[in-house]
Amino acid sequence: MKFATRIPIFMYLTDYREESLEDVIRKLEPSLFERVTGLTIDDFDLLLRVGVFNRAQMNDAILKFRRYEDASLAYTGVNRHAAETRIGLMDSTVPIEALLG
């Protein structure tokens, strides 16, 4: 439960929007992940192994979050995706055009 409520904060704080969330958590910003969520990488891996998170639902939720985040930032005149061609989901990436969906 703690992970589900803190993951949007983690996604907002990281600058690695073009990478899958799993890669950001495991490889790029594991210390930020632990500070924000209170979970270690081992905890995260255990939650994935036991099936706590449905990957398809997580990918959908992350895409929706990215759309909301992008729209909110665009409203203020900020374009965080100007140089990006892909956007990261839970375990994959999609073309940036998916945000327009």
PDB file of N, CA and C in Angstrom:
ATOM      1  N   MET A   1       0.830  -1.189   0.000  1.00  0.00           N
ATOM      2  CA  MET A   1       0.000   0.000   0.000  1.00  0.00           C
ATOM      3  C   MET A   1       0.873   1.251   0.000  1.00  0.00           C
ATOM      4  N   LYS A   2       1.934   1.241   0.801  1.00  0.00           N
ATOM      5  CA  LYS A   2       2.811   2.400   0.876  1.00  0.00           C
ATOM      6  C   LYS A   2       3.419   2.704  -0.490  1.00  0.00           C
ATOM      7  N   PHE A   3       3.812   1.647  -1.206  1.00  0.00           N
ATOM      8  CA  PHE A   3       4.390   1.816  -2.539  1.00  0.00           C
ATOM      9  C   PHE A   3       3.398   2.499  -3.466  1.00  0.00           C
ATOM     10  N   ALA A   4       2.171   2.024  -3.474  1.00  0.00           N
ATOM     11  CA  ALA A   4       1.157   2.566  -4.378  1.00  0.00           C
ATOM     12  C   ALA A   4       0.889   4.043  -4.136  1.00  0.00           C
ATOM     13  N   THR A   5       0.972   4.473  -2.901  1.00  0.00           N
ATOM     14  CA  THR A   5       0.699   5.884  -2.606  1.00  0.00           C
ATOM     15  C   THR A   5       1.923   6.775  -2.811  1.00  0.00           C
ATOM     16  N   ARG A   6       3.099   6.192  -2.780  1.00  0.00           N
ATOM     17  CA  ARG A   6       4.320   6.996  -2.913  1.00  0.00           C
ATOM     18  C   ARG A   6       4.928   6.987  -4.308  1.00  0.00           C
ATOM     19  N   ILE A   7       4.537   6.022  -5.141  1.00  0.00           N
ATOM     20  CA  ILE A   7       5.153   5.929  -6.457  1.00  0.00           C
ATOM     21  C   ILE A   7       4.913   7.169  -7.315  1.00  0.00           C
ATOM     22  N   PRO A   8       3.752   7.820  -7.271  1.00  0.00           N
ATOM     23  CA  PRO A   8       3.608   9.063  -8.049  1.00  0.00           C
ATOM     24  C   PRO A   8       4.601  10.143  -7.605  1.00  0.00           C
ATOM     25  N   ILE A   9       4.893  10.213  -6.331  1.00  0.00           N
ATOM     26  CA  ILE A   9       5.879  11.184  -5.838  1.00  0.00           C
ATOM     27  C   ILE A   9       7.245  10.862  -6.415  1.00  0.00           C
ATOM     28  N   PHE A  10       7.601   9.583  -6.376  1.00  0.00           N
ATOM     29  CA  PHE A  10       8.887   9.155  -6.934  1.00  0.00           C
ATOM     30  C   PHE A  10       8.960   9.486  -8.419  1.00  0.00           C
ATOM     31  N   MET A  11       7.897   9.204  -9.169  1.00  0.00           N
ATOM     32  CA  MET A  11       7.899   9.478 -10.609  1.00  0.00           C
ATOM     33  C   MET A  11       8.033  10.972 -10.879  1.00  0.00           C
ATOM     34  N   TYR A  12       7.427  11.777 -10.041  1.00  0.00           N
ATOM     35  CA  TYR A  12       7.522  13.226 -10.225  1.00  0.00           C
ATOM     36  C   TYR A  12       8.934  13.730  -9.936  1.00  0.00           C
ATOM     37  N   LEU A  13       9.598  13.140  -8.957  1.00  0.00           N
ATOM     38  CA  LEU A  13      10.921  13.601  -8.550  1.00  0.00           C
ATOM     39  C   LEU A  13      12.052  13.156  -9.472  1.00  0.00           C
ATOM     40  N   THR A  14      11.886  12.033 -10.131  1.00  0.00           N
ATOM     41  CA  THR A  14      12.970  11.552 -10.987  1.00  0.00           C
ATOM     42  C   THR A  14      12.981  12.286 -12.323  1.00  0.00           C
ATOM     43  N   ASP A  15      14.162  12.439 -12.870  1.00  0.00           N
ATOM     44  CA  ASP A  15      14.304  13.084 -14.174  1.00  0.00           C
ATOM     45  C   ASP A  15      14.320  12.071 -15.311  1.00  0.00           C
ATOM     46  N   TYR A  16      14.256  10.795 -15.005  1.00  0.00           N
ATOM     47  CA  TYR A  16      14.376   9.737 -16.007  1.00  0.00           C
ATOM     48  C   TYR A  16      13.011   9.289 -16.510  1.00  0.00           C
ATOM     49  N   ARG A  17      12.324  10.148 -17.232  1.00  0.00           N
ATOM     50  CA  ARG A  17      10.994   9.841 -17.711  1.00  0.00           C
ATOM     51  C   ARG A  17      10.992   8.948 -18.944  1.00  0.00           C
ATOM     52  N   GLU A  18      12.127   8.864 -19.635  1.00  0.00           N
ATOM     53  CA  GLU A  18      12.188   8.066 -20.859  1.00  0.00           C
ATOM     54  C   GLU A  18      12.567   6.608 -20.593  1.00  0.00           C
ATOM     55  N   GLU A  19      12.877   6.278 -19.357  1.00  0.00           N
ATOM     56  CA  GLU A  19      13.245   4.914 -18.960  1.00  0.00           C
ATOM     57  C   GLU A  19      12.059   4.238 -18.279  1.00  0.00           C
ATOM     58  N   SER A  20      12.029   2.895 -18.356  1.00  0.00           N
ATOM     59  CA  SER A  20      10.962   2.186 -17.641  1.00  0.00           C
ATOM     60  C   SER A  20      11.139   2.421 -16.144  1.00  0.00           C
ATOM     61  N   LEU A  21      10.049   2.428 -15.428  1.00  0.00           N
ATOM     62  CA  LEU A  21      10.091   2.689 -13.996  1.00  0.00           C
ATOM     63  C   LEU A  21      10.933   1.640 -13.270  1.00  0.00           C
ATOM     64  N   GLU A  22      10.839   0.395 -13.698  1.00  0.00           N
ATOM     65  CA  GLU A  22      11.645  -0.650 -13.073  1.00  0.00           C
ATOM     66  C   GLU A  22      13.137  -0.360 -13.227  1.00  0.00           C
ATOM     67  N   ASP A  23      13.571   0.102 -14.399  1.00  0.00           N
ATOM     68  CA  ASP A  23      14.982   0.438 -14.600  1.00  0.00           C
ATOM     69  C   ASP A  23      15.398   1.628 -13.746  1.00  0.00           C
ATOM     70  N   VAL A  24      14.516   2.617 -13.640  1.00  0.00           N
ATOM     71  CA  VAL A  24      14.827   3.784 -12.805  1.00  0.00           C
ATOM     72  C   VAL A  24      14.994   3.343 -11.351  1.00  0.00           C
ATOM     73  N   ILE A  25      14.088   2.501 -10.889  1.00  0.00           N
ATOM     74  CA  ILE A  25      14.135   2.035  -9.503  1.00  0.00           C
ATOM     75  C   ILE A  25      15.386   1.212  -9.244  1.00  0.00           C
ATOM     76  N   ARG A  26      15.654   0.248 -10.111  1.00  0.00           N
ATOM     77  CA  ARG A  26      16.760  -0.689  -9.873  1.00  0.00           C
ATOM     78  C   ARG A  26      18.136  -0.134 -10.205  1.00  0.00           C
ATOM     79  N   LYS A  27      18.249   0.624 -11.304  1.00  0.00           N
ATOM     80  CA  LYS A  27      19.561   0.986 -11.830  1.00  0.00           C
ATOM     81  C   LYS A  27      19.938   2.461 -11.707  1.00  0.00           C
ATOM     82  N   LEU A  28      18.970   3.346 -11.865  1.00  0.00           N
ATOM     83  CA  LEU A  28      19.291   4.761 -11.989  1.00  0.00           C
ATOM     84  C   LEU A  28      19.141   5.551 -10.698  1.00  0.00           C
ATOM     85  N   GLU A  29      18.095   5.292  -9.924  1.00  0.00           N
ATOM     86  CA  GLU A  29      17.874   6.067  -8.706  1.00  0.00           C
ATOM     87  C   GLU A  29      17.366   5.210  -7.547  1.00  0.00           C
ATOM     88  N   PRO A  30      18.086   4.138  -7.226  1.00  0.00           N
ATOM     89  CA  PRO A  30      17.614   3.282  -6.128  1.00  0.00           C
ATOM     90  C   PRO A  30      17.575   3.987  -4.777  1.00  0.00           C
ATOM     91  N   SER A  31      18.492   4.893  -4.522  1.00  0.00           N
ATOM     92  CA  SER A  31      18.486   5.579  -3.225  1.00  0.00           C
ATOM     93  C   SER A  31      17.306   6.547  -3.116  1.00  0.00           C
ATOM     94  N   LEU A  32      16.962   7.229  -4.194  1.00  0.00           N
ATOM     95  CA  LEU A  32      15.785   8.103  -4.189  1.00  0.00           C
ATOM     96  C   LEU A  32      14.524   7.265  -3.983  1.00  0.00           C
ATOM     97  N   PHE A  33      14.450   6.119  -4.635  1.00  0.00           N
ATOM     98  CA  PHE A  33      13.307   5.230  -4.478  1.00  0.00           C
ATOM     99  C   PHE A  33      13.136   4.821  -3.016  1.00  0.00           C
ATOM    100  N   GLU A  34      14.225   4.447  -2.378  1.00  0.00           N
ATOM    101  CA  GLU A  34      14.138   4.017  -0.984  1.00  0.00           C
ATOM    102  C   GLU A  34      13.743   5.169  -0.065  1.00  0.00           C
ATOM    103  N   ARG A  35      14.292   6.354  -0.309  1.00  0.00           N
ATOM    104  CA  ARG A  35      13.932   7.519   0.521  1.00  0.00           C
ATOM    105  C   ARG A  35      12.464   7.886   0.388  1.00  0.00           C
ATOM    106  N   VAL A  36      11.935   7.828  -0.829  1.00  0.00           N
ATOM    107  CA  VAL A  36      10.556   8.248  -1.063  1.00  0.00           C
ATOM    108  C   VAL A  36       9.549   7.194  -0.611  1.00  0.00           C
ATOM    109  N   THR A  37       9.830   5.924  -0.908  1.00  0.00           N
ATOM    110  CA  THR A  37       8.845   4.873  -0.632  1.00  0.00           C
ATOM    111  C   THR A  37       9.077   4.140   0.682  1.00  0.00           C
ATOM    112  N   GLY A  38      10.319   4.165   1.188  1.00  0.00           N
ATOM    113  CA  GLY A  38      10.646   3.387   2.375  1.00  0.00           C
ATOM    114  C   GLY A  38      10.896   1.925   2.071  1.00  0.00           C
ATOM    115  N   LEU A  39      10.889   1.564   0.780  1.00  0.00           N
ATOM    116  CA  LEU A  39      11.128   0.189   0.363  1.00  0.00           C
ATOM    117  C   LEU A  39      12.518   0.036  -0.229  1.00  0.00           C
ATOM    118  N   THR A  40      13.161  -1.082   0.081  1.00  0.00           N
ATOM    119  CA  THR A  40      14.444  -1.391  -0.547  1.00  0.00           C
ATOM    120  C   THR A  40      14.176  -2.030  -1.905  1.00  0.00           C
ATOM    121  N   ILE A  41      15.220  -2.186  -2.691  1.00  0.00           N
ATOM    122  CA  ILE A  41      15.090  -2.857  -3.979  1.00  0.00           C
ATOM    123  C   ILE A  41      14.666  -4.305  -3.762  1.00  0.00           C
ATOM    124  N   ASP A  42      15.185  -4.936  -2.720  1.00  0.00           N
ATOM    125  CA  ASP A  42      14.774  -6.309  -2.401  1.00  0.00           C
ATOM    126  C   ASP A  42      13.275  -6.372  -2.077  1.00  0.00           C
ATOM    127  N   ASP A  43      12.777  -5.386  -1.329  1.00  0.00           N
ATOM    128  CA  ASP A  43      11.336  -5.319  -1.035  1.00  0.00           C
ATOM    129  C   ASP A  43      10.528  -5.192  -2.332  1.00  0.00           C
ATOM    130  N   PHE A  44      10.985  -4.307  -3.197  1.00  0.00           N
ATOM    131  CA  PHE A  44      10.315  -4.077  -4.479  1.00  0.00           C
ATOM    132  C   PHE A  44      10.286  -5.362  -5.304  1.00  0.00           C
ATOM    133  N   ASP A  45      11.430  -6.045  -5.396  1.00  0.00           N
ATOM    134  CA  ASP A  45      11.502  -7.288  -6.152  1.00  0.00           C
ATOM    135  C   ASP A  45      10.580  -8.354  -5.568  1.00  0.00           C
ATOM    136  N   LEU A  46      10.512  -8.424  -4.260  1.00  0.00           N
ATOM    137  CA  LEU A  46       9.624  -9.389  -3.605  1.00  0.00           C
ATOM    138  C   LEU A  46       8.160  -9.095  -3.952  1.00  0.00           C
ATOM    139  N   LEU A  47       7.769  -7.833  -3.903  1.00  0.00           N
ATOM    140  CA  LEU A  47       6.394  -7.456  -4.247  1.00  0.00           C
ATOM    141  C   LEU A  47       6.056  -7.818  -5.692  1.00  0.00           C
ATOM    142  N   LEU A  48       7.025  -7.649  -6.584  1.00  0.00           N
ATOM    143  CA  LEU A  48       6.800  -8.030  -7.974  1.00  0.00           C
ATOM    144  C   LEU A  48       6.684  -9.546  -8.118  1.00  0.00           C
ATOM    145  N   ARG A  49       7.567 -10.275  -7.432  1.00  0.00           N
ATOM    146  CA  ARG A  49       7.566 -11.749  -7.523  1.00  0.00           C
ATOM    147  C   ARG A  49       6.273 -12.368  -7.017  1.00  0.00           C
ATOM    148  N   VAL A  50       5.735 -11.836  -5.954  1.00  0.00           N
ATOM    149  CA  VAL A  50       4.513 -12.428  -5.395  1.00  0.00           C
ATOM    150  C   VAL A  50       3.249 -11.918  -6.100  1.00  0.00           C
ATOM    151  N   GLY A  51       3.417 -11.058  -7.086  1.00  0.00           N
ATOM    152  CA  GLY A  51       2.286 -10.626  -7.894  1.00  0.00           C
ATOM    153  C   GLY A  51       1.422  -9.539  -7.298  1.00  0.00           C
ATOM    154  N   VAL A  52       1.988  -8.743  -6.411  1.00  0.00           N
ATOM    155  CA  VAL A  52       1.224  -7.650  -5.812  1.00  0.00           C
ATOM    156  C   VAL A  52       0.810  -6.627  -6.869  1.00  0.00           C
ATOM    157  N   PHE A  53       1.655  -6.446  -7.865  1.00  0.00           N
ATOM    158  CA  PHE A  53       1.376  -5.455  -8.900  1.00  0.00           C
ATOM    159  C   PHE A  53       1.071  -6.135 -10.225  1.00  0.00           C
ATOM    160  N   ASN A  54      -0.048  -5.789 -10.811  1.00  0.00           N
ATOM    161  CA  ASN A  54      -0.408  -6.249 -12.132  1.00  0.00           C
ATOM    162  C   ASN A  54       0.314  -5.328 -13.117  1.00  0.00           C
ATOM    163  N   ARG A  55       1.230  -5.882 -13.891  1.00  0.00           N
ATOM    164  CA  ARG A  55       2.054  -5.050 -14.783  1.00  0.00           C
ATOM    165  C   ARG A  55       1.219  -4.266 -15.789  1.00  0.00           C
ATOM    166  N   ALA A  56       0.201  -4.879 -16.344  1.00  0.00           N
ATOM    167  CA  ALA A  56      -0.642  -4.175 -17.321  1.00  0.00           C
ATOM    168  C   ALA A  56      -1.350  -2.989 -16.668  1.00  0.00           C
ATOM    169  N   GLN A  57      -1.867  -3.188 -15.465  1.00  0.00           N
ATOM    170  CA  GLN A  57      -2.531  -2.097 -14.755  1.00  0.00           C
ATOM    171  C   GLN A  57      -1.534  -1.017 -14.359  1.00  0.00           C
ATOM    172  N   MET A  58      -0.344  -1.420 -13.948  1.00  0.00           N
ATOM    173  CA  MET A  58       0.686  -0.434 -13.587  1.00  0.00           C
ATOM    174  C   MET A  58       1.093   0.382 -14.811  1.00  0.00           C
ATOM    175  N   ASN A  59       1.282  -0.282 -15.968  1.00  0.00           N
ATOM    176  CA  ASN A  59       1.630   0.446 -17.193  1.00  0.00           C
ATOM    177  C   ASN A  59       0.549   1.463 -17.529  1.00  0.00           C
ATOM    178  N   ASP A  60      -0.710   1.051 -17.419  1.00  0.00           N
ATOM    179  CA  ASP A  60      -1.824   1.955 -17.696  1.00  0.00           C
ATOM    180  C   ASP A  60      -1.855   3.123 -16.708  1.00  0.00           C
ATOM    181  N   ALA A  61      -1.678   2.825 -15.439  1.00  0.00           N
ATOM    182  CA  ALA A  61      -1.704   3.881 -14.418  1.00  0.00           C
ATOM    183  C   ALA A  61      -0.554   4.870 -14.614  1.00  0.00           C
ATOM    184  N   ILE A  62       0.612   4.364 -14.964  1.00  0.00           N
ATOM    185  CA  ILE A  62       1.763   5.245 -15.175  1.00  0.00           C
ATOM    186  C   ILE A  62       1.549   6.114 -16.399  1.00  0.00           C
ATOM    187  N   LEU A  63       1.013   5.554 -17.478  1.00  0.00           N
ATOM    188  CA  LEU A  63       0.736   6.358 -18.668  1.00  0.00           C
ATOM    189  C   LEU A  63      -0.273   7.464 -18.336  1.00  0.00           C
ATOM    190  N   LYS A  64      -1.297   7.137 -17.581  1.00  0.00           N
ATOM    191  CA  LYS A  64      -2.286   8.143 -17.182  1.00  0.00           C
ATOM    192  C   LYS A  64      -1.646   9.225 -16.307  1.00  0.00           C
ATOM    193  N   PHE A  65      -0.761   8.822 -15.393  1.00  0.00           N
ATOM    194  CA  PHE A  65      -0.056   9.793 -14.563  1.00  0.00           C
ATOM    195  C   PHE A  65       0.787  10.708 -15.437  1.00  0.00           C
ATOM    196  N   ARG A  66       1.519  10.127 -16.390  1.00  0.00           N
ATOM    197  CA  ARG A  66       2.374  10.934 -17.281  1.00  0.00           C
ATOM    198  C   ARG A  66       1.532  11.922 -18.093  1.00  0.00           C
ATOM    199  N   ARG A  67       0.369  11.482 -18.554  1.00  0.00           N
ATOM    200  CA  ARG A  67      -0.518  12.402 -19.290  1.00  0.00           C
ATOM    201  C   ARG A  67      -0.959  13.558 -18.409  1.00  0.00           C
ATOM    202  N   TYR A  68      -1.375  13.233 -17.203  1.00  0.00           N
ATOM    203  CA  TYR A  68      -1.814  14.273 -16.263  1.00  0.00           C
ATOM    204  C   TYR A  68      -0.661  15.217 -15.940  1.00  0.00           C
ATOM    205  N   GLU A  69       0.518  14.646 -15.653  1.00  0.00           N
ATOM    206  CA  GLU A  69       1.691  15.453 -15.344  1.00  0.00           C
ATOM    207  C   GLU A  69       2.046  16.357 -16.517  1.00  0.00           C
ATOM    208  N   ASP A  70       2.050  15.809 -17.723  1.00  0.00           N
ATOM    209  CA  ASP A  70       2.391  16.575 -18.909  1.00  0.00           C
ATOM    210  C   ASP A  70       1.410  17.719 -19.123  1.00  0.00           C
ATOM    211  N   ALA A  71       0.120  17.435 -18.967  1.00  0.00           N
ATOM    212  CA  ALA A  71      -0.903  18.478 -19.138  1.00  0.00           C
ATOM    213  C   ALA A  71      -0.765  19.572 -18.086  1.00  0.00           C
ATOM    214  N   SER A  72      -0.473  19.173 -16.854  1.00  0.00           N
ATOM    215  CA  SER A  72      -0.307  20.155 -15.780  1.00  0.00           C
ATOM    216  C   SER A  72       0.888  21.054 -16.031  1.00  0.00           C
ATOM    217  N   LEU A  73       1.990  20.447 -16.460  1.00  0.00           N
ATOM    218  CA  LEU A  73       3.187  21.236 -16.727  1.00  0.00           C
ATOM    219  C   LEU A  73       3.012  22.122 -17.954  1.00  0.00           C
ATOM    220  N   ALA A  74       2.355  21.600 -18.990  1.00  0.00           N
ATOM    221  CA  ALA A  74       2.117  22.388 -20.194  1.00  0.00           C
ATOM    222  C   ALA A  74       1.263  23.609 -19.876  1.00  0.00           C
ATOM    223  N   TYR A  75       0.326  23.456 -18.952  1.00  0.00           N
ATOM    224  CA  TYR A  75      -0.529  24.568 -18.540  1.00  0.00           C
ATOM    225  C   TYR A  75       0.304  25.716 -17.977  1.00  0.00           C
ATOM    226  N   THR A  76       1.395  25.384 -17.314  1.00  0.00           N
ATOM    227  CA  THR A  76       2.262  26.412 -16.742  1.00  0.00           C
ATOM    228  C   THR A  76       3.363  26.850 -17.707  1.00  0.00           C
ATOM    229  N   GLY A  77       3.372  26.260 -18.912  1.00  0.00           N
ATOM    230  CA  GLY A  77       4.363  26.646 -19.913  1.00  0.00           C
ATOM    231  C   GLY A  77       5.626  25.809 -19.890  1.00  0.00           C
ATOM    232  N   VAL A  78       5.635  24.712 -19.162  1.00  0.00           N
ATOM    233  CA  VAL A  78       6.819  23.844 -19.072  1.00  0.00           C
ATOM    234  C   VAL A  78       6.607  22.628 -19.956  1.00  0.00           C
ATOM    235  N   ASN A  79       7.617  22.323 -20.799  1.00  0.00           N
ATOM    236  CA  ASN A  79       7.572  21.120 -21.627  1.00  0.00           C
ATOM    237  C   ASN A  79       8.742  20.231 -21.232  1.00  0.00           C
ATOM    238  N   ARG A  80       8.491  19.271 -20.362  1.00  0.00           N
ATOM    239  CA  ARG A  80       9.563  18.407 -19.864  1.00  0.00           C
ATOM    240  C   ARG A  80       9.969  17.351 -20.871  1.00  0.00           C
ATOM    241  N   HIS A  81       9.205  17.174 -21.939  1.00  0.00           N
ATOM    242  CA  HIS A  81       9.474  16.098 -22.879  1.00  0.00           C
ATOM    243  C   HIS A  81       9.990  16.599 -24.227  1.00  0.00           C
ATOM    244  N   ALA A  82      10.461  17.796 -24.295  1.00  0.00           N
ATOM    245  CA  ALA A  82      10.835  18.392 -25.572  1.00  0.00           C
ATOM    246  C   ALA A  82      11.863  17.563 -26.340  1.00  0.00           C
ATOM    247  N   ALA A  83      12.849  17.005 -25.676  1.00  0.00           N
ATOM    248  CA  ALA A  83      13.903  16.262 -26.360  1.00  0.00           C
ATOM    249  C   ALA A  83      13.682  14.750 -26.329  1.00  0.00           C
ATOM    250  N   GLU A  84      12.636  14.302 -25.707  1.00  0.00           N
ATOM    251  CA  GLU A  84      12.406  12.863 -25.565  1.00  0.00           C
ATOM    252  C   GLU A  84      11.628  12.306 -26.747  1.00  0.00           C
ATOM    253  N   THR A  85      11.896  11.063 -27.081  1.00  0.00           N
ATOM    254  CA  THR A  85      11.148  10.378 -28.135  1.00  0.00           C
ATOM    255  C   THR A  85      10.320   9.231 -27.569  1.00  0.00           C
ATOM    256  N   ARG A  86      10.633   8.811 -26.339  1.00  0.00           N
ATOM    257  CA  ARG A  86       9.925   7.710 -25.685  1.00  0.00           C
ATOM    258  C   ARG A  86       9.574   8.110 -24.262  1.00  0.00           C
ATOM    259  N   ILE A  87       8.601   7.419 -23.696  1.00  0.00           N
ATOM    260  CA  ILE A  87       8.197   7.650 -22.313  1.00  0.00           C
ATOM    261  C   ILE A  87       8.162   6.296 -21.604  1.00  0.00           C
ATOM    262  N   GLY A  88       8.678   6.277 -20.389  1.00  0.00           N
ATOM    263  CA  GLY A  88       8.755   5.024 -19.651  1.00  0.00           C
ATOM    264  C   GLY A  88       7.477   4.683 -18.925  1.00  0.00           C
ATOM    265  N   LEU A  89       7.123   3.394 -18.974  1.00  0.00           N
ATOM    266  CA  LEU A  89       6.009   2.865 -18.203  1.00  0.00           C
ATOM    267  C   LEU A  89       6.604   1.999 -17.093  1.00  0.00           C
ATOM    268  N   MET A  90       5.883   1.036 -16.591  1.00  0.00           N
ATOM    269  CA  MET A  90       6.399   0.187 -15.515  1.00  0.00           C
ATOM    270  C   MET A  90       7.558  -0.681 -15.989  1.00  0.00           C
ATOM    271  N   ASP A  91       7.325  -1.432 -17.057  1.00  0.00           N
ATOM    272  CA  ASP A  91       8.336  -2.383 -17.508  1.00  0.00           C
ATOM    273  C   ASP A  91       8.675  -2.239 -18.984  1.00  0.00           C
ATOM    274  N   SER A  92       8.268  -1.141 -19.568  1.00  0.00           N
ATOM    275  CA  SER A  92       8.512  -0.912 -20.990  1.00  0.00           C
ATOM    276  C   SER A  92       8.541   0.585 -21.272  1.00  0.00           C
ATOM    277  N   THR A  93       8.780   0.911 -22.523  1.00  0.00           N
ATOM    278  CA  THR A  93       8.693   2.300 -22.965  1.00  0.00           C
ATOM    279  C   THR A  93       7.799   2.350 -24.199  1.00  0.00           C
ATOM    280  N   VAL A  94       7.215   3.512 -24.436  1.00  0.00           N
ATOM    281  CA  VAL A  94       6.358   3.711 -25.601  1.00  0.00           C
ATOM    282  C   VAL A  94       6.743   5.033 -26.255  1.00  0.00           C
ATOM    283  N   PRO A  95       6.398   5.199 -27.541  1.00  0.00           N
ATOM    284  CA  PRO A  95       6.676   6.489 -28.186  1.00  0.00           C
ATOM    285  C   PRO A  95       5.984   7.630 -27.442  1.00  0.00           C
ATOM    286  N   ILE A  96       6.611   8.772 -27.436  1.00  0.00           N
ATOM    287  CA  ILE A  96       6.097   9.940 -26.723  1.00  0.00           C
ATOM    288  C   ILE A  96       4.682  10.296 -27.212  1.00  0.00           C
ATOM    289  N   GLU A  97       4.349   9.927 -28.417  1.00  0.00           N
ATOM    290  CA  GLU A  97       3.024  10.210 -28.973  1.00  0.00           C
ATOM    291  C   GLU A  97       1.917   9.540 -28.151  1.00  0.00           C
ATOM    292  N   ALA A  98       2.269   8.516 -27.383  1.00  0.00           N
ATOM    293  CA  ALA A  98       1.271   7.838 -26.549  1.00  0.00           C
ATOM    294  C   ALA A  98       0.675   8.781 -25.515  1.00  0.00           C
ATOM    295  N   LEU A  99       1.400   9.831 -25.166  1.00  0.00           N
ATOM    296  CA  LEU A  99       0.870  10.810 -24.214  1.00  0.00           C
ATOM    297  C   LEU A  99      -0.294  11.587 -24.817  1.00  0.00           C
ATOM    298  N   LEU A 100      -0.321  11.665 -26.123  1.00  0.00           N
ATOM    299  CA  LEU A 100      -1.385  12.419 -26.777  1.00  0.00           C
ATOM    300  C   LEU A 100      -2.691  11.645 -26.805  1.00  0.00           C
ATOM    301  N   GLY A 101      -2.589  10.283 -26.704  1.00  0.00           N
ATOM    302  CA  GLY A 101      -3.694   9.343 -26.769  1.00  0.00           C
ATOM    303  C   GLY A 101      -4.953   9.846 -26.299  1.00  0.00           C
TER     304      GLY A 101
END
